[in-house]
Amino acid sequence: MGWVTGVMVYFVVWWTVLFAVLPFGIEPDDAAARESGGWRGTPRRPAIVNKALWTTVVATVVWFIIWYLVTSDWLSFRTGWLAMPTQ
């Protein structure tokens, strides 16, 4: 995997993990007034920085797993158990 591909895969993994992490710890703000821009689903404390840090940690681990699978022969279509049989 080249560095450009690695960066793009990390970008996609990071955003996917972010959307998976966003709902954790959300408590709706029942007192949010519609006139002030709030709504029933508005979170009291969104903790975006904390979620971004957790997203970065989880995305880095997932990216290293993907990198290992791509660069190893364990998951290869050229050699190994996934390779096409030779005639």
N, C-alpha and C. Protein backbone atom coordinates (compact mmCIF):
# COMPACT_ATOMS: atom_id res chain seq x y z
N MET A 1 0.86 -1.17 0.00
CA MET A 1 0.00 0.00 0.00
C MET A 1 0.90 1.23 0.00
N GLY A 2 0.70 2.10 -0.96
CA GLY A 2 1.47 3.33 -1.03
C GLY A 2 0.99 4.34 0.00
N TRP A 3 1.74 5.42 0.15
CA TRP A 3 1.39 6.38 1.21
C TRP A 3 0.12 7.14 0.87
N VAL A 4 -0.13 7.40 -0.41
CA VAL A 4 -1.36 8.11 -0.79
C VAL A 4 -2.57 7.22 -0.51
N THR A 5 -2.48 5.96 -0.88
CA THR A 5 -3.56 5.03 -0.60
C THR A 5 -3.77 4.88 0.90
N GLY A 6 -2.68 4.82 1.65
CA GLY A 6 -2.78 4.71 3.10
C GLY A 6 -3.48 5.90 3.73
N VAL A 7 -3.17 7.09 3.25
CA VAL A 7 -3.82 8.30 3.77
C VAL A 7 -5.30 8.30 3.43
N MET A 8 -5.63 7.91 2.22
CA MET A 8 -7.04 7.90 1.81
C MET A 8 -7.83 6.84 2.58
N VAL A 9 -7.23 5.68 2.79
CA VAL A 9 -7.91 4.64 3.58
C VAL A 9 -8.10 5.13 5.01
N TYR A 10 -7.07 5.78 5.58
CA TYR A 10 -7.20 6.31 6.94
C TYR A 10 -8.32 7.35 7.02
N PHE A 11 -8.41 8.21 6.02
CA PHE A 11 -9.46 9.23 5.97
C PHE A 11 -10.85 8.59 5.99
N VAL A 12 -11.05 7.57 5.16
CA VAL A 12 -12.35 6.90 5.09
C VAL A 12 -12.64 6.16 6.40
N VAL A 13 -11.63 5.49 6.95
CA VAL A 13 -11.82 4.78 8.22
C VAL A 13 -12.13 5.77 9.34
N TRP A 14 -11.43 6.91 9.37
CA TRP A 14 -11.64 7.90 10.44
C TRP A 14 -13.08 8.41 10.43
N TRP A 15 -13.58 8.76 9.25
CA TRP A 15 -14.95 9.27 9.17
C TRP A 15 -15.98 8.20 9.51
N THR A 16 -15.73 6.96 9.10
CA THR A 16 -16.65 5.87 9.43
C THR A 16 -16.69 5.64 10.93
N VAL A 17 -15.53 5.65 11.57
CA VAL A 17 -15.47 5.46 13.02
C VAL A 17 -16.10 6.66 13.73
N LEU A 18 -15.92 7.86 13.21
CA LEU A 18 -16.53 9.03 13.83
C LEU A 18 -18.05 8.89 13.89
N PHE A 19 -18.66 8.47 12.79
CA PHE A 19 -20.11 8.31 12.80
C PHE A 19 -20.56 7.17 13.70
N ALA A 20 -19.68 6.21 13.95
CA ALA A 20 -20.01 5.14 14.89
C ALA A 20 -19.87 5.61 16.34
N VAL A 21 -18.96 6.55 16.60
CA VAL A 21 -18.67 7.02 17.96
C VAL A 21 -19.60 8.15 18.39
N LEU A 22 -20.10 8.92 17.47
CA LEU A 22 -20.90 10.10 17.81
C LEU A 22 -22.08 9.84 18.75
N PRO A 23 -22.83 8.76 18.63
CA PRO A 23 -23.98 8.58 19.52
C PRO A 23 -23.64 8.22 20.97
N PHE A 24 -22.40 7.81 21.25
CA PHE A 24 -22.06 7.39 22.61
C PHE A 24 -22.13 8.55 23.59
N GLY A 25 -22.80 8.34 24.71
CA GLY A 25 -22.86 9.32 25.78
C GLY A 25 -23.76 10.51 25.52
N ILE A 26 -24.64 10.43 24.58
CA ILE A 26 -25.54 11.54 24.27
C ILE A 26 -26.74 11.51 25.20
N GLU A 27 -26.97 12.64 25.86
CA GLU A 27 -28.16 12.83 26.68
C GLU A 27 -28.90 14.03 26.12
N PRO A 28 -30.15 13.86 25.71
CA PRO A 28 -30.87 14.98 25.11
C PRO A 28 -31.15 16.08 26.13
N ASP A 29 -31.13 17.30 25.66
CA ASP A 29 -31.40 18.46 26.49
C ASP A 29 -32.90 18.74 26.45
N ASP A 30 -33.60 18.35 27.51
CA ASP A 30 -35.06 18.53 27.55
C ASP A 30 -35.46 19.99 27.67
N ALA A 31 -34.58 20.83 28.21
CA ALA A 31 -34.91 22.23 28.44
C ALA A 31 -34.53 23.13 27.27
N ALA A 32 -34.07 22.56 26.16
CA ALA A 32 -33.66 23.38 25.03
C ALA A 32 -34.87 24.05 24.39
N ALA A 33 -34.79 25.35 24.26
CA ALA A 33 -35.90 26.11 23.67
C ALA A 33 -35.68 26.22 22.16
N ARG A 34 -36.75 26.07 21.43
CA ARG A 34 -36.66 26.14 19.97
C ARG A 34 -36.27 27.54 19.52
N GLU A 35 -36.69 28.54 20.26
CA GLU A 35 -36.39 29.92 19.89
C GLU A 35 -34.90 30.24 19.98
N SER A 36 -34.17 29.57 20.88
CA SER A 36 -32.74 29.84 21.03
C SER A 36 -31.88 28.91 20.16
N GLY A 37 -32.51 28.13 19.29
CA GLY A 37 -31.77 27.26 18.38
C GLY A 37 -31.67 25.84 18.86
N GLY A 38 -32.17 25.55 20.05
CA GLY A 38 -32.13 24.18 20.57
C GLY A 38 -33.33 23.38 20.12
N TRP A 39 -33.27 22.11 20.34
CA TRP A 39 -34.36 21.22 19.99
C TRP A 39 -34.30 20.03 20.92
N ARG A 40 -35.32 19.19 20.93
CA ARG A 40 -35.36 18.06 21.86
C ARG A 40 -34.16 17.14 21.70
N GLY A 41 -33.67 16.98 20.51
CA GLY A 41 -32.55 16.08 20.26
C GLY A 41 -31.19 16.70 20.47
N THR A 42 -31.14 17.98 20.85
CA THR A 42 -29.87 18.65 21.07
C THR A 42 -29.17 18.05 22.29
N PRO A 43 -27.91 17.60 22.16
CA PRO A 43 -27.23 17.03 23.32
C PRO A 43 -26.81 18.11 24.31
N ARG A 44 -26.84 17.74 25.59
CA ARG A 44 -26.38 18.68 26.63
C ARG A 44 -24.90 18.98 26.49
N ARG A 45 -24.11 17.93 26.48
CA ARG A 45 -22.66 18.07 26.32
C ARG A 45 -22.22 17.15 25.18
N PRO A 46 -21.99 17.68 24.01
CA PRO A 46 -21.64 16.81 22.88
C PRO A 46 -20.25 16.18 22.99
N ALA A 47 -19.31 16.81 23.71
CA ALA A 47 -17.95 16.29 23.91
C ALA A 47 -17.28 15.93 22.59
N ILE A 48 -17.30 16.85 21.66
CA ILE A 48 -16.78 16.61 20.32
C ILE A 48 -15.27 16.34 20.34
N VAL A 49 -14.52 17.09 21.15
CA VAL A 49 -13.07 16.90 21.20
C VAL A 49 -12.74 15.51 21.74
N ASN A 50 -13.43 15.09 22.79
CA ASN A 50 -13.21 13.76 23.35
C ASN A 50 -13.55 12.68 22.32
N LYS A 51 -14.63 12.86 21.60
CA LYS A 51 -15.02 11.88 20.58
C LYS A 51 -14.03 11.87 19.41
N ALA A 52 -13.50 13.03 19.06
CA ALA A 52 -12.51 13.08 17.99
C ALA A 52 -11.23 12.36 18.40
N LEU A 53 -10.84 12.49 19.67
CA LEU A 53 -9.64 11.78 20.14
C LEU A 53 -9.87 10.27 20.14
N TRP A 54 -11.02 9.81 20.63
CA TRP A 54 -11.33 8.39 20.61
C TRP A 54 -11.43 7.88 19.18
N THR A 55 -11.99 8.68 18.30
CA THR A 55 -12.09 8.30 16.90
C THR A 55 -10.71 8.11 16.30
N THR A 56 -9.78 9.01 16.62
CA THR A 56 -8.43 8.90 16.11
C THR A 56 -7.74 7.64 16.61
N VAL A 57 -7.92 7.32 17.88
CA VAL A 57 -7.29 6.12 18.45
C VAL A 57 -7.86 4.86 17.78
N VAL A 58 -9.18 4.76 17.71
CA VAL A 58 -9.81 3.57 17.13
C VAL A 58 -9.50 3.47 15.64
N ALA A 59 -9.54 4.58 14.92
CA ALA A 59 -9.26 4.57 13.48
C ALA A 59 -7.81 4.17 13.21
N THR A 60 -6.89 4.57 14.08
CA THR A 60 -5.49 4.18 13.91
C THR A 60 -5.32 2.67 14.08
N VAL A 61 -5.98 2.10 15.07
CA VAL A 61 -5.91 0.65 15.28
C VAL A 61 -6.53 -0.09 14.08
N VAL A 62 -7.69 0.37 13.63
CA VAL A 62 -8.34 -0.27 12.48
C VAL A 62 -7.48 -0.12 11.23
N TRP A 63 -6.84 1.05 11.05
CA TRP A 63 -6.00 1.26 9.88
C TRP A 63 -4.79 0.32 9.91
N PHE A 64 -4.19 0.12 11.08
CA PHE A 64 -3.05 -0.80 11.16
C PHE A 64 -3.47 -2.23 10.85
N ILE A 65 -4.67 -2.62 11.25
CA ILE A 65 -5.17 -3.95 10.92
C ILE A 65 -5.35 -4.08 9.40
N ILE A 66 -5.93 -3.06 8.77
CA ILE A 66 -6.10 -3.06 7.32
C ILE A 66 -4.74 -3.08 6.63
N TRP A 67 -3.80 -2.26 7.11
CA TRP A 67 -2.46 -2.22 6.52
C TRP A 67 -1.78 -3.58 6.61
N TYR A 68 -1.91 -4.24 7.76
CA TYR A 68 -1.30 -5.56 7.91
C TYR A 68 -1.92 -6.56 6.94
N LEU A 69 -3.24 -6.55 6.81
CA LEU A 69 -3.90 -7.48 5.90
C LEU A 69 -3.54 -7.23 4.44
N VAL A 70 -3.37 -5.97 4.08
CA VAL A 70 -3.04 -5.64 2.69
C VAL A 70 -1.60 -6.00 2.37
N THR A 71 -0.68 -5.76 3.30
CA THR A 71 0.74 -5.98 3.01
C THR A 71 1.20 -7.41 3.30
N SER A 72 0.43 -8.18 4.02
CA SER A 72 0.85 -9.55 4.32
C SER A 72 0.39 -10.51 3.23
N ASP A 73 0.95 -11.71 3.25
CA ASP A 73 0.53 -12.73 2.30
C ASP A 73 -0.66 -13.52 2.82
N TRP A 74 -1.10 -13.23 4.02
CA TRP A 74 -2.23 -13.96 4.60
C TRP A 74 -3.50 -13.73 3.80
N LEU A 75 -3.69 -12.52 3.30
CA LEU A 75 -4.89 -12.18 2.54
C LEU A 75 -4.45 -11.70 1.15
N SER A 76 -3.92 -12.63 0.38
CA SER A 76 -3.39 -12.29 -0.93
C SER A 76 -4.11 -13.10 -2.00
N PHE A 77 -4.42 -12.47 -3.11
CA PHE A 77 -5.02 -13.18 -4.23
C PHE A 77 -3.96 -13.71 -5.19
N ARG A 78 -2.69 -13.37 -4.96
CA ARG A 78 -1.60 -13.85 -5.81
C ARG A 78 -0.98 -15.13 -5.27
N THR A 79 -0.84 -15.20 -3.93
CA THR A 79 -0.29 -16.40 -3.30
C THR A 79 -1.16 -16.75 -2.11
N GLY A 80 -1.04 -17.95 -1.63
CA GLY A 80 -1.78 -18.34 -0.44
C GLY A 80 -3.10 -19.02 -0.77
N TRP A 81 -3.94 -19.13 0.22
CA TRP A 81 -5.17 -19.91 0.10
C TRP A 81 -6.25 -19.21 -0.72
N LEU A 82 -6.11 -17.92 -0.98
CA LEU A 82 -7.11 -17.23 -1.81
C LEU A 82 -6.70 -17.15 -3.29
N ALA A 83 -5.52 -17.65 -3.62
CA ALA A 83 -5.01 -17.53 -4.98
C ALA A 83 -5.80 -18.44 -5.93
N MET A 84 -5.87 -18.00 -7.17
CA MET A 84 -6.51 -18.83 -8.20
C MET A 84 -5.64 -20.05 -8.44
N PRO A 85 -6.25 -21.19 -8.66
CA PRO A 85 -5.46 -22.39 -8.91
C PRO A 85 -4.71 -22.30 -10.25
N THR A 86 -3.50 -22.83 -10.25
CA THR A 86 -2.73 -22.84 -11.50
C THR A 86 -3.16 -24.03 -12.33
N GLN A 87 -3.07 -23.88 -13.64
CA GLN A 87 -3.56 -24.95 -14.52
C GLN A 87 -2.44 -25.82 -15.00
